[in-house]
PDB file of N, CA and C in Angstrom:
ATOM      1  N   MET A   1       0.865  -1.018   0.108  1.00  0.00           N
ATOM      2  CA  MET A   1      -0.121   0.003   0.023  1.00  0.00           C
ATOM      3  C   MET A   1       0.938   1.330  -0.140  1.00  0.00           C
ATOM      4  N   GLU A   2       0.756   2.218  -0.792  1.00  0.00           N
ATOM      5  CA  GLU A   2       1.441   3.469  -0.983  1.00  0.00           C
ATOM      6  C   GLU A   2       0.953   4.407   0.074  1.00  0.00           C
ATOM      7  N   ARG A   3       2.090   5.000   0.616  1.00  0.00           N
ATOM      8  CA  ARG A   3       1.691   5.776   1.924  1.00  0.00           C
ATOM      9  C   ARG A   3       1.979   7.226   1.200  1.00  0.00           C
ATOM     10  N   LYS A   4       0.903   8.021   1.630  1.00  0.00           N
ATOM     11  CA  LYS A   4       1.132   9.576   1.174  1.00  0.00           C
ATOM     12  C   LYS A   4       1.545  10.240   2.346  1.00  0.00           C
ATOM     13  N   THR A   5       2.262  11.254   2.069  1.00  0.00           N
ATOM     14  CA  THR A   5       2.663  12.406   3.018  1.00  0.00           C
ATOM     15  C   THR A   5       2.192  13.630   2.790  1.00  0.00           C
ATOM     16  N   LYS A   6       1.948  14.360   3.977  1.00  0.00           N
ATOM     17  CA  LYS A   6       1.403  15.752   3.842  1.00  0.00           C
ATOM     18  C   LYS A   6       2.777  16.877   3.572  1.00  0.00           C
ATOM     19  N   SER A   7       3.725  16.388   3.782  1.00  0.00           N
ATOM     20  CA  SER A   7       4.851  17.387   3.783  1.00  0.00           C
ATOM     21  C   SER A   7       5.207  17.402   2.443  1.00  0.00           C
ATOM     22  N   LYS A   8       5.487  18.766   2.000  1.00  0.00           N
ATOM     23  CA  LYS A   8       5.902  18.956   0.642  1.00  0.00           C
ATOM     24  C   LYS A   8       7.089  20.138   0.629  1.00  0.00           C
ATOM     25  N   PHE A   9       7.535  19.874  -0.884  1.00  0.00           N
ATOM     26  CA  PHE A   9       8.706  20.979  -1.045  1.00  0.00           C
ATOM     27  C   PHE A   9       8.176  22.108  -1.776  1.00  0.00           C
ATOM     28  N   LEU A  10       8.618  23.242  -1.576  1.00  0.00           N
ATOM     29  CA  LEU A  10       8.166  24.310  -2.390  1.00  0.00           C
ATOM     30  C   LEU A  10       9.449  24.878  -2.998  1.00  0.00           C
ATOM     31  N   LYS A  11       9.152  25.402  -4.335  1.00  0.00           N
ATOM     32  CA  LYS A  11      10.021  26.149  -5.199  1.00  0.00           C
ATOM     33  C   LYS A  11       9.704  27.463  -5.003  1.00  0.00           C
ATOM     34  N   VAL A  12      10.364  28.537  -4.468  1.00  0.00           N
ATOM     35  CA  VAL A  12      10.114  29.886  -4.351  1.00  0.00           C
ATOM     36  C   VAL A  12      11.180  30.832  -4.877  1.00  0.00           C
ATOM     37  N   ARG A  13      10.571  31.872  -5.226  1.00  0.00           N
ATOM     38  CA  ARG A  13      11.722  33.032  -6.005  1.00  0.00           C
ATOM     39  C   ARG A  13      11.860  34.166  -4.836  1.00  0.00           C
ATOM     40  N   CYS A  14      12.899  34.536  -4.421  1.00  0.00           N
ATOM     41  CA  CYS A  14      13.180  35.793  -4.126  1.00  0.00           C
ATOM     42  C   CYS A  14      13.247  36.987  -4.753  1.00  0.00           C
ATOM     43  N   LYS A  15      13.070  38.069  -3.977  1.00  0.00           N
ATOM     44  CA  LYS A  15      13.200  39.290  -4.921  1.00  0.00           C
ATOM     45  C   LYS A  15      14.336  39.837  -5.768  1.00  0.00           C
ATOM     46  N   CYS A  16      15.468  38.970  -5.381  1.00  0.00           N
ATOM     47  CA  CYS A  16      16.936  39.066  -6.182  1.00  0.00           C
ATOM     48  C   CYS A  16      16.667  38.181  -7.273  1.00  0.00           C
ATOM     49  N   LYS A  17      15.658  37.222  -7.417  1.00  0.00           N
ATOM     50  CA  LYS A  17      15.344  36.497  -8.728  1.00  0.00           C
ATOM     51  C   LYS A  17      15.985  35.308  -8.417  1.00  0.00           C
ATOM     52  N   ASN A  18      16.552  35.057  -7.265  1.00  0.00           N
ATOM     53  CA  ASN A  18      17.231  33.599  -6.960  1.00  0.00           C
ATOM     54  C   ASN A  18      15.933  32.420  -6.735  1.00  0.00           C
ATOM     55  N   GLU A  19      16.133  31.354  -7.484  1.00  0.00           N
ATOM     56  CA  GLU A  19      15.013  30.487  -6.975  1.00  0.00           C
ATOM     57  C   GLU A  19      15.670  29.163  -5.974  1.00  0.00           C
ATOM     58  N   GLN A  20      15.005  29.110  -5.065  1.00  0.00           N
ATOM     59  CA  GLN A  20      15.227  28.021  -4.040  1.00  0.00           C
ATOM     60  C   GLN A  20      14.228  27.100  -3.707  1.00  0.00           C
ATOM     61  N   ILE A  21      14.777  25.849  -3.514  1.00  0.00           N
ATOM     62  CA  ILE A  21      13.634  24.848  -2.930  1.00  0.00           C
ATOM     63  C   ILE A  21      13.682  24.649  -1.358  1.00  0.00           C
ATOM     64  N   ILE A  22      12.536  24.831  -0.767  1.00  0.00           N
ATOM     65  CA  ILE A  22      12.622  24.961   0.664  1.00  0.00           C
ATOM     66  C   ILE A  22      11.388  23.962   1.047  1.00  0.00           C
ATOM     67  N   PHE A  23      11.902  23.488   2.490  1.00  0.00           N
ATOM     68  CA  PHE A  23      10.663  22.421   2.880  1.00  0.00           C
ATOM     69  C   PHE A  23       9.391  22.881   3.554  1.00  0.00           C
ATOM     70  N   GLY A  24       8.140  22.385   3.276  1.00  0.00           N
ATOM     71  CA  GLY A  24       7.198  22.921   3.720  1.00  0.00           C
ATOM     72  C   GLY A  24       6.819  23.157   5.197  1.00  0.00           C
ATOM     73  N   LYS A  25       7.524  22.533   6.016  1.00  0.00           N
ATOM     74  CA  LYS A  25       7.272  22.174   7.430  1.00  0.00           C
ATOM     75  C   LYS A  25       8.560  22.573   8.048  1.00  0.00           C
ATOM     76  N   SER A  26       9.408  23.517   7.593  1.00  0.00           N
ATOM     77  CA  SER A  26      10.729  23.755   8.104  1.00  0.00           C
ATOM     78  C   SER A  26      10.561  24.382   9.504  1.00  0.00           C
ATOM     79  N   SER A  27      11.329  23.844  10.412  1.00  0.00           N
ATOM     80  CA  SER A  27      11.326  24.370  11.801  1.00  0.00           C
ATOM     81  C   SER A  27      12.068  25.426  12.226  1.00  0.00           C
ATOM     82  N   SER A  28      12.682  25.945  11.179  1.00  0.00           N
ATOM     83  CA  SER A  28      13.591  27.458  11.377  1.00  0.00           C
ATOM     84  C   SER A  28      13.397  28.399  10.346  1.00  0.00           C
ATOM     85  N   LYS A  29      13.637  29.518  10.459  1.00  0.00           N
ATOM     86  CA  LYS A  29      13.732  30.662   9.458  1.00  0.00           C
ATOM     87  C   LYS A  29      14.490  30.255   8.233  1.00  0.00           C
ATOM     88  N   VAL A  30      14.037  30.394   6.864  1.00  0.00           N
ATOM     89  CA  VAL A  30      14.541  30.016   5.683  1.00  0.00           C
ATOM     90  C   VAL A  30      14.897  31.468   5.138  1.00  0.00           C
ATOM     91  N   LYS A  31      16.252  31.425   4.904  1.00  0.00           N
ATOM     92  CA  LYS A  31      16.985  32.815   4.315  1.00  0.00           C
ATOM     93  C   LYS A  31      17.258  32.374   2.932  1.00  0.00           C
ATOM     94  N   CYS A  32      17.399  33.450   1.899  1.00  0.00           N
ATOM     95  CA  CYS A  32      17.988  33.398   0.621  1.00  0.00           C
ATOM     96  C   CYS A  32      19.316  33.288   0.626  1.00  0.00           C
ATOM     97  N   LEU A  33      19.840  32.290   0.039  1.00  0.00           N
ATOM     98  CA  LEU A  33      21.240  31.938  -0.045  1.00  0.00           C
ATOM     99  C   LEU A  33      22.089  33.034  -0.875  1.00  0.00           C
ATOM    100  N   VAL A  34      21.333  33.816  -1.624  1.00  0.00           N
ATOM    101  CA  VAL A  34      22.225  34.991  -2.346  1.00  0.00           C
ATOM    102  C   VAL A  34      21.989  36.360  -1.396  1.00  0.00           C
ATOM    103  N   CYS A  35      20.999  36.807  -1.072  1.00  0.00           N
ATOM    104  CA  CYS A  35      20.924  38.224  -0.335  1.00  0.00           C
ATOM    105  C   CYS A  35      20.596  37.917   0.824  1.00  0.00           C
ATOM    106  N   GLY A  36      20.152  36.692   1.373  1.00  0.00           N
ATOM    107  CA  GLY A  36      19.842  36.870   2.994  1.00  0.00           C
ATOM    108  C   GLY A  36      18.837  37.203   3.427  1.00  0.00           C
ATOM    109  N   LYS A  37      17.773  37.612   2.559  1.00  0.00           N
ATOM    110  CA  LYS A  37      16.442  38.014   2.968  1.00  0.00           C
ATOM    111  C   LYS A  37      15.587  36.676   3.496  1.00  0.00           C
ATOM    112  N   THR A  38      14.684  36.937   4.321  1.00  0.00           N
ATOM    113  CA  THR A  38      13.901  35.895   4.914  1.00  0.00           C
ATOM    114  C   THR A  38      13.075  35.432   3.790  1.00  0.00           C
ATOM    115  N   LEU A  39      12.840  34.086   3.471  1.00  0.00           N
ATOM    116  CA  LEU A  39      11.985  33.574   2.593  1.00  0.00           C
ATOM    117  C   LEU A  39      10.581  33.096   3.186  1.00  0.00           C
ATOM    118  N   ALA A  40      10.968  32.499   4.485  1.00  0.00           N
ATOM    119  CA  ALA A  40       9.783  31.859   5.337  1.00  0.00           C
ATOM    120  C   ALA A  40      10.273  31.588   6.670  1.00  0.00           C
ATOM    121  N   GLU A  41       8.941  31.928   7.345  1.00  0.00           N
ATOM    122  CA  GLU A  41       9.129  31.470   8.931  1.00  0.00           C
ATOM    123  C   GLU A  41       8.379  30.278   9.433  1.00  0.00           C
ATOM    124  N   SER A  42       8.865  29.685  10.417  1.00  0.00           N
ATOM    125  CA  SER A  42       8.165  28.554  10.938  1.00  0.00           C
ATOM    126  C   SER A  42       7.031  29.208  11.922  1.00  0.00           C
ATOM    127  N   THR A  43       6.064  28.522  11.797  1.00  0.00           N
ATOM    128  CA  THR A  43       4.764  28.746  12.764  1.00  0.00           C
ATOM    129  C   THR A  43       4.481  27.574  13.745  1.00  0.00           C
ATOM    130  N   GLY A  44       5.373  26.458  13.791  1.00  0.00           N
ATOM    131  CA  GLY A  44       5.019  25.492  14.513  1.00  0.00           C
ATOM    132  C   GLY A  44       4.764  24.333  13.777  1.00  0.00           C
ATOM    133  N   GLY A  45       3.781  24.462  12.621  1.00  0.00           N
ATOM    134  CA  GLY A  45       3.342  23.446  11.753  1.00  0.00           C
ATOM    135  C   GLY A  45       4.145  23.595  10.441  1.00  0.00           C
ATOM    136  N   LYS A  46       3.081  24.203   9.578  1.00  0.00           N
ATOM    137  CA  LYS A  46       3.572  24.542   8.142  1.00  0.00           C
ATOM    138  C   LYS A  46       4.209  25.845   8.343  1.00  0.00           C
ATOM    139  N   ILE A  47       4.933  26.394   7.347  1.00  0.00           N
ATOM    140  CA  ILE A  47       5.740  27.569   7.266  1.00  0.00           C
ATOM    141  C   ILE A  47       4.894  28.951   6.569  1.00  0.00           C
ATOM    142  N   LYS A  48       5.350  29.818   7.128  1.00  0.00           N
ATOM    143  CA  LYS A  48       4.488  30.855   6.497  1.00  0.00           C
ATOM    144  C   LYS A  48       5.526  31.608   5.626  1.00  0.00           C
ATOM    145  N   VAL A  49       5.107  31.346   4.314  1.00  0.00           N
ATOM    146  CA  VAL A  49       6.066  31.867   3.241  1.00  0.00           C
ATOM    147  C   VAL A  49       5.900  33.404   2.812  1.00  0.00           C
ATOM    148  N   LYS A  50       7.186  34.004   2.875  1.00  0.00           N
ATOM    149  CA  LYS A  50       7.006  35.486   2.558  1.00  0.00           C
ATOM    150  C   LYS A  50       7.916  35.853   0.991  1.00  0.00           C
ATOM    151  N   SER A  51       7.881  34.863   0.079  1.00  0.00           N
ATOM    152  CA  SER A  51       8.262  34.996  -0.958  1.00  0.00           C
ATOM    153  C   SER A  51       7.283  34.360  -2.155  1.00  0.00           C
ATOM    154  N   ARG A  52       7.391  34.435  -3.361  1.00  0.00           N
ATOM    155  CA  ARG A  52       6.583  33.995  -4.356  1.00  0.00           C
ATOM    156  C   ARG A  52       6.809  32.483  -4.492  1.00  0.00           C
ATOM    157  N   ILE A  53       5.646  31.847  -4.431  1.00  0.00           N
ATOM    158  CA  ILE A  53       5.808  30.286  -4.693  1.00  0.00           C
ATOM    159  C   ILE A  53       5.672  30.140  -6.077  1.00  0.00           C
ATOM    160  N   LEU A  54       6.469  29.421  -6.728  1.00  0.00           N
ATOM    161  CA  LEU A  54       6.342  29.104  -8.125  1.00  0.00           C
ATOM    162  C   LEU A  54       5.803  27.809  -8.387  1.00  0.00           C
ATOM    163  N   GLU A  55       6.242  26.891  -7.632  1.00  0.00           N
ATOM    164  CA  GLU A  55       5.705  25.340  -7.856  1.00  0.00           C
ATOM    165  C   GLU A  55       5.761  24.547  -6.422  1.00  0.00           C
ATOM    166  N   VAL A  56       4.801  23.474  -6.453  1.00  0.00           N
ATOM    167  CA  VAL A  56       4.836  22.625  -5.254  1.00  0.00           C
ATOM    168  C   VAL A  56       5.403  21.254  -5.728  1.00  0.00           C
ATOM    169  N   LEU A  57       6.397  20.917  -5.088  1.00  0.00           N
ATOM    170  CA  LEU A  57       6.967  19.663  -5.655  1.00  0.00           C
ATOM    171  C   LEU A  57       6.573  18.356  -4.857  1.00  0.00           C
TER     172      LEU A  57
END
């Protein structure tokens, strides 16, 4: 039997045009690897995304 997970990876784009893949239930703040701007913050469960979501993987 196939097991389905609720956690997803998200492809997001920063304002500096950098594209990055982040985990949808990250337990810490996620920053852009190029400019250092905060892309997402932890809320205890799912993350609060502060950048543009391009794709759900």
